[in-house]
Amino acid sequence: MSTNSQQIENKKVKVQLLLAGGHQYTVYLNPDDPVLHSLLTTIVARAYKQESASHCLFQIPIYEGHSALSFASENLVGLVTEPPLWIQQTENIQPVANDILNSSYVQIDNFLSPNEHERLIKYVLANKSNFVSTSTSTNDQNYRRSMVLYSFPDFAELIVNKIQNIMPDIISKLGMSPFPISQIESQLTSHNDGNFYKIHNDNGSSDTATRELTYVYYFNREPKRFSGGELLIYDSKVENNFYVKAESFKTVEPRNNSVVFFLSRYMHEVLPVNCPSKAFADSRFTINGWVRREAS
């Protein structure tokens, strides 16, 4: 099967799903999305009564993977695509399986002014005693090790305002559709010698499901006295119409005074930090948080 997806480049395809019983739903998919390909091949295979039209369950990610529209393939009556996708049938139609979906991120250097950066360093060092150990919902000590400061109102407001101002540009660069923002969360973390955060995503529970974007602002004293602490952002693949982690990944260096943005549904991890002095002041510091959409 081939489509005219090259003609529409990387723009989202508006797909109206026509289901049995007169139900209709609209989703937006990339032209090279394996889910879109599977929908098209299912329609063609059923039309020609081919074996590949066997029953299956579709679960179409919506809201960047926070929710899923689920239906049985036999209930798919037709598709309306905008712009139009024309299908040419070949003798053997095989659905796309396990295609790698590349993760993408945006990293911006010199995010704070030199003065703001200096004041932030001084503030963190003065508030060392207010940092507490991080935890996870399972309280697994071997899953995440770091320190966190939850309340830092002056700098939280500074970061959130800066992020708010550049959101339209970030959303555009990540190829996302604009969404109404309900909240931008923030916390301040410290990773010292041996600290890490194993593979996870940031919106895998009911109370985090509205997180669309994750951001991490990196800062440290100069000269830098730690190594490691890279952020790995894993690519995705679709298996049985579910997003799962691929083996490939992008590596983000924790560059001083830079901020990185990526989709909260991406699986990611923080590699162990090596800080020979073990001094708090030599830590890998971050202000990290999440951009939430309004709940539907």
Protein backbone atom coordinates (compact mmCIF):
# COMPACT_ATOMS: atom_id res chain seq x y z
CA MET A 1 0.00 0.00 0.00
CA SER A 2 1.20 3.51 -0.75
CA THR A 3 -0.34 6.91 0.01
CA ASN A 4 0.32 10.45 -1.04
CA SER A 5 1.74 11.27 2.40
CA GLN A 6 4.82 12.81 0.80
CA GLN A 7 2.61 15.56 -0.55
CA ILE A 8 1.51 16.61 2.93
CA GLU A 9 5.03 16.48 4.41
CA ASN A 10 4.95 16.39 8.21
CA LYS A 11 1.54 17.96 8.78
CA LYS A 12 -0.97 16.15 10.95
CA VAL A 13 -3.70 14.20 9.15
CA LYS A 14 -7.22 14.80 10.40
CA VAL A 15 -8.82 11.36 10.53
CA GLN A 16 -12.55 10.96 11.03
CA LEU A 17 -13.31 7.42 12.18
CA LEU A 18 -16.68 6.11 11.00
CA LEU A 19 -17.77 3.30 13.30
CA ALA A 20 -20.73 0.91 13.32
CA GLY A 21 -23.91 2.34 14.78
CA GLY A 22 -23.32 5.78 13.28
CA HIS A 23 -20.61 6.77 15.75
CA GLN A 24 -17.92 9.19 14.58
CA TYR A 25 -14.68 10.28 16.22
CA THR A 26 -11.90 12.58 15.01
CA VAL A 27 -8.21 12.12 15.78
CA TYR A 28 -5.03 13.73 14.43
CA LEU A 29 -2.18 11.49 13.33
CA ASN A 30 1.16 11.94 11.61
CA PRO A 31 1.11 10.76 7.98
CA ASP A 32 3.76 8.10 8.76
CA ASP A 33 2.08 6.93 11.98
CA PRO A 34 1.80 3.10 12.01
CA VAL A 35 -1.66 3.43 13.55
CA LEU A 36 -2.87 5.41 10.52
CA HIS A 37 -1.33 2.82 8.24
CA SER A 38 -3.06 0.00 10.14
CA LEU A 39 -6.42 1.77 9.85
CA LEU A 40 -6.01 2.13 6.09
CA THR A 41 -4.85 -1.44 5.54
CA THR A 42 -7.73 -2.76 7.65
CA ILE A 43 -10.24 -0.93 5.46
CA VAL A 44 -8.65 -2.22 2.24
CA ALA A 45 -8.21 -5.78 3.51
CA ARG A 46 -11.82 -6.00 4.62
CA ALA A 47 -13.02 -4.56 1.32
CA TYR A 48 -11.23 -7.33 -0.58
CA LYS A 49 -11.97 -10.00 2.05
CA GLN A 50 -8.29 -10.70 2.65
CA GLU A 51 -6.93 -12.71 5.57
CA SER A 52 -5.24 -9.61 7.00
CA ALA A 53 -8.73 -8.37 7.88
CA SER A 54 -8.85 -10.66 10.90
CA HIS A 55 -10.32 -9.18 14.07
CA CYS A 56 -8.11 -6.94 16.18
CA LEU A 57 -8.48 -4.22 18.79
CA PHE A 58 -7.56 -0.66 17.88
CA GLN A 59 -6.45 1.68 20.66
CA ILE A 60 -5.80 5.07 19.13
CA PRO A 61 -3.68 7.40 21.31
CA ILE A 62 -5.23 10.84 21.79
CA TYR A 63 -3.98 13.86 23.74
CA GLU A 64 -0.40 12.82 22.94
CA GLY A 65 -0.97 9.37 24.42
CA HIS A 66 -2.68 10.40 27.68
CA SER A 67 -5.96 8.77 26.60
CA ALA A 68 -6.96 6.05 24.16
CA LEU A 69 -9.97 5.53 21.89
CA SER A 70 -10.63 1.76 21.79
CA PHE A 71 -12.75 -0.18 19.31
CA ALA A 72 -12.78 -3.55 17.55
CA SER A 73 -11.60 -3.55 13.95
CA GLU A 74 -14.87 -5.06 12.70
CA ASN A 75 -16.63 -1.88 13.86
CA LEU A 76 -14.51 0.31 11.57
CA VAL A 77 -16.81 1.23 8.66
CA GLY A 78 -14.73 3.89 6.94
CA LEU A 79 -12.28 6.78 7.22
CA VAL A 80 -12.43 10.41 6.16
CA THR A 81 -8.94 11.91 5.88
CA GLU A 82 -8.00 15.57 5.50
CA PRO A 83 -5.94 16.13 3.42
CA PRO A 84 -7.06 13.14 1.34
CA LEU A 85 -5.01 9.94 1.40
CA TRP A 86 -5.47 7.76 -1.70
CA ILE A 87 -4.69 4.08 -1.36
CA GLN A 88 -3.24 1.84 -4.06
CA GLN A 89 -3.64 -1.83 -3.29
CA THR A 90 -0.79 -4.27 -3.91
CA GLU A 91 -1.11 -8.04 -4.00
CA ASN A 92 0.05 -8.55 -0.43
CA ILE A 93 -1.03 -5.98 2.12
CA GLN A 94 0.88 -6.24 5.38
CA PRO A 95 0.24 -3.89 8.31
CA VAL A 96 3.23 -1.95 9.57
CA ALA A 97 4.57 -3.47 12.79
CA ASN A 98 7.11 -2.28 15.31
CA ASP A 99 8.05 0.88 13.42
CA ILE A 100 10.32 3.10 15.46
CA LEU A 101 8.78 6.48 16.32
CA ASN A 102 11.61 8.90 16.95
CA SER A 103 11.43 10.91 20.14
CA SER A 104 12.09 14.60 19.78
CA TYR A 105 13.14 17.31 22.19
CA VAL A 106 14.06 20.98 22.25
CA GLN A 107 17.06 22.26 24.23
CA ILE A 108 17.69 25.99 24.72
CA ASP A 109 20.98 27.37 26.02
CA ASN A 110 21.45 30.51 28.17
CA PHE A 111 17.89 30.25 29.48
CA LEU A 112 18.48 32.58 32.44
CA SER A 113 20.49 35.78 32.40
CA PRO A 114 23.92 35.64 34.11
CA ASN A 115 22.52 37.61 37.04
CA GLU A 116 19.49 35.33 37.43
CA HIS A 117 21.71 32.26 37.23
CA GLU A 118 24.07 33.61 39.90
CA ARG A 119 21.20 34.49 42.23
CA LEU A 120 19.71 31.01 41.78
CA ILE A 121 22.99 29.32 42.72
CA LYS A 122 23.28 31.44 45.86
CA TYR A 123 19.66 30.73 46.77
CA VAL A 124 20.10 26.95 46.44
CA LEU A 125 23.25 26.87 48.56
CA ALA A 126 21.57 28.97 51.24
CA ASN A 127 18.60 26.55 51.34
CA LYS A 128 20.55 23.30 51.52
CA SER A 129 18.89 22.29 54.81
CA ASN A 130 15.41 22.48 53.24
CA PHE A 131 16.07 19.76 50.65
CA VAL A 132 14.46 16.36 51.33
CA SER A 133 14.94 12.94 49.77
CA THR A 134 12.84 12.20 46.70
CA SER A 135 10.50 9.24 46.62
CA THR A 136 8.35 7.28 44.19
CA SER A 137 4.83 5.94 44.53
CA THR A 138 6.30 2.48 45.30
CA ASN A 139 8.88 3.86 47.77
CA ASP A 140 11.54 1.83 45.95
CA GLN A 141 14.93 3.22 47.08
CA ASN A 142 16.68 1.56 44.13
CA TYR A 143 14.55 3.36 41.56
CA ARG A 144 15.31 7.01 42.28
CA ARG A 145 17.93 8.78 44.37
CA SER A 146 18.10 12.56 44.62
CA MET A 147 17.11 15.50 46.82
CA VAL A 148 14.25 17.90 46.18
CA LEU A 149 13.10 21.35 47.26
CA TYR A 150 9.37 21.73 46.70
CA SER A 151 8.94 25.37 47.73
CA PHE A 152 11.04 28.11 46.11
CA PRO A 153 8.39 30.69 45.12
CA ASP A 154 10.57 33.47 43.72
CA PHE A 155 12.47 31.31 41.26
CA ALA A 156 9.50 29.04 40.53
CA GLU A 157 7.59 32.10 39.32
CA LEU A 158 10.58 33.24 37.24
CA ILE A 159 10.93 29.86 35.50
CA VAL A 160 7.19 29.38 34.96
CA ASN A 161 6.79 32.84 33.42
CA LYS A 162 9.69 32.25 31.04
CA ILE A 163 8.28 28.87 30.02
CA GLN A 164 4.80 30.33 29.54
CA ASN A 165 6.20 32.94 27.15
CA ILE A 166 7.93 30.40 24.89
CA MET A 167 5.27 27.68 24.96
CA PRO A 168 3.84 28.44 21.48
CA ASP A 169 7.31 28.11 19.95
CA ILE A 170 8.12 24.89 21.88
CA ILE A 171 4.79 23.29 20.92
CA SER A 172 5.42 24.19 17.28
CA LYS A 173 8.98 22.82 17.26
CA LEU A 174 7.81 19.53 18.78
CA GLY A 175 5.11 19.18 16.11
CA MET A 176 2.27 19.23 18.62
CA SER A 177 -1.19 20.70 18.24
CA PRO A 178 -1.80 23.68 20.54
CA PHE A 179 -3.63 22.83 23.76
CA PRO A 180 -5.13 24.86 26.61
CA ILE A 181 -2.66 25.01 29.53
CA SER A 182 -4.09 24.62 33.02
CA GLN A 183 -0.88 24.62 35.08
CA ILE A 184 2.91 24.61 34.90
CA GLU A 185 4.41 22.68 37.81
CA SER A 186 7.94 23.03 39.15
CA GLN A 187 10.32 21.48 41.67
CA LEU A 188 14.02 21.95 42.36
CA THR A 189 16.23 18.86 42.50
CA SER A 190 19.81 18.02 43.40
CA HIS A 191 21.68 14.98 42.09
CA ASN A 192 24.95 14.22 43.86
CA ASP A 193 27.38 11.29 43.74
CA GLY A 194 25.63 8.03 42.79
CA ASN A 195 22.20 9.63 42.32
CA PHE A 196 19.99 8.53 39.41
CA TYR A 197 16.42 8.02 38.21
CA LYS A 198 15.59 4.79 36.36
CA ILE A 199 13.33 4.46 33.31
CA HIS A 200 9.89 6.02 33.74
CA ASN A 201 7.44 8.40 32.12
CA ASP A 202 5.74 11.39 33.70
CA ASN A 203 2.05 10.83 33.00
CA GLY A 204 1.41 7.18 33.73
CA SER A 205 -1.09 7.59 36.57
CA SER A 206 -4.55 9.09 36.95
CA ASP A 207 -3.26 12.17 38.79
CA THR A 208 -0.56 12.87 36.18
CA ALA A 209 -2.55 12.05 33.03
CA THR A 210 -2.94 15.71 32.00
CA ARG A 211 0.81 16.31 31.78
CA GLU A 212 1.62 17.07 28.15
CA LEU A 213 5.21 18.33 28.33
CA THR A 214 8.13 17.77 30.68
CA TYR A 215 10.86 20.38 31.08
CA VAL A 216 14.24 20.25 32.83
CA TYR A 217 16.36 23.34 33.49
CA TYR A 218 20.00 22.48 34.30
CA PHE A 219 22.31 24.64 36.40
CA ASN A 220 25.52 24.15 38.38
CA ARG A 221 28.53 26.00 39.75
CA GLU A 222 31.50 26.60 37.50
CA PRO A 223 33.86 24.95 37.09
CA LYS A 224 31.65 21.88 36.85
CA ARG A 225 32.68 19.25 39.41
CA PHE A 226 30.49 16.30 38.40
CA SER A 227 30.14 14.02 35.41
CA GLY A 228 27.34 11.79 34.17
CA GLY A 229 23.72 12.62 34.89
CA GLU A 230 22.76 12.58 31.20
CA LEU A 231 19.07 12.40 30.34
CA LEU A 232 18.13 9.50 28.05
CA ILE A 233 14.87 10.00 26.13
CA TYR A 234 13.74 6.73 24.58
CA ASP A 235 12.16 6.38 21.16
CA SER A 236 8.81 4.65 20.95
CA LYS A 237 7.33 1.86 18.90
CA VAL A 238 3.80 0.61 18.42
CA GLU A 239 3.06 -2.99 19.37
CA ASN A 240 -0.56 -4.12 19.04
CA ASN A 241 -1.46 -0.42 18.76
CA PHE A 242 0.19 0.42 22.12
CA TYR A 243 3.11 2.83 22.59
CA VAL A 244 6.05 0.99 24.17
CA LYS A 245 9.73 1.82 24.72
CA ALA A 246 12.15 1.15 21.87
CA GLU A 247 15.79 0.23 22.45
CA SER A 248 17.03 3.41 20.76
CA PHE A 249 17.22 6.73 22.59
CA LYS A 250 18.41 10.33 22.48
CA THR A 251 21.08 11.53 24.93
CA VAL A 252 20.70 15.02 26.41
CA GLU A 253 23.74 16.56 28.08
CA PRO A 254 22.98 18.49 31.29
CA ARG A 255 24.48 21.73 29.98
CA ASN A 256 24.71 24.52 32.53
CA ASN A 257 21.94 27.14 32.16
CA SER A 258 20.05 25.16 29.49
CA VAL A 259 16.47 23.90 29.47
CA VAL A 260 15.08 20.88 27.62
CA PHE A 261 11.45 20.10 26.68
CA PHE A 262 9.96 16.75 25.62
CA LEU A 263 6.63 14.90 25.66
CA SER A 264 5.72 13.61 29.11
CA ARG A 265 4.65 10.25 27.69
CA TYR A 266 8.21 9.48 26.53
CA MET A 267 10.06 6.92 28.61
CA HIS A 268 13.24 8.50 30.00
CA GLU A 269 15.88 8.11 32.68
CA VAL A 270 18.69 10.00 34.42
CA LEU A 271 22.04 8.22 34.35
CA PRO A 272 24.08 8.03 37.59
CA VAL A 273 26.00 11.14 38.59
CA ASN A 274 29.68 10.97 39.54
CA CYS A 275 30.61 13.73 42.00
CA PRO A 276 33.98 12.88 43.64
CA SER A 277 33.81 15.64 46.27
CA LYS A 278 30.26 14.60 47.34
CA ALA A 279 29.79 18.26 48.29
CA PHE A 280 26.23 19.57 47.93
CA ALA A 281 27.49 22.69 46.19
CA ASP A 282 29.03 20.54 43.42
CA SER A 283 25.74 18.80 42.58
CA ARG A 284 23.88 18.59 39.30
CA PHE A 285 20.94 20.93 39.99
CA THR A 286 17.69 21.18 38.05
CA ILE A 287 14.38 22.95 38.11
CA ASN A 288 12.05 20.49 36.48
CA GLY A 289 8.34 20.23 36.01
CA TRP A 290 5.39 19.64 33.74
CA VAL A 291 3.04 21.58 31.51
CA ARG A 292 -0.52 20.35 32.05
CA ARG A 293 -3.42 20.63 29.64
CA GLU A 294 -6.91 21.39 30.83
CA ALA A 295 -8.80 18.22 31.74
CA SER A 296 -11.46 17.31 29.20
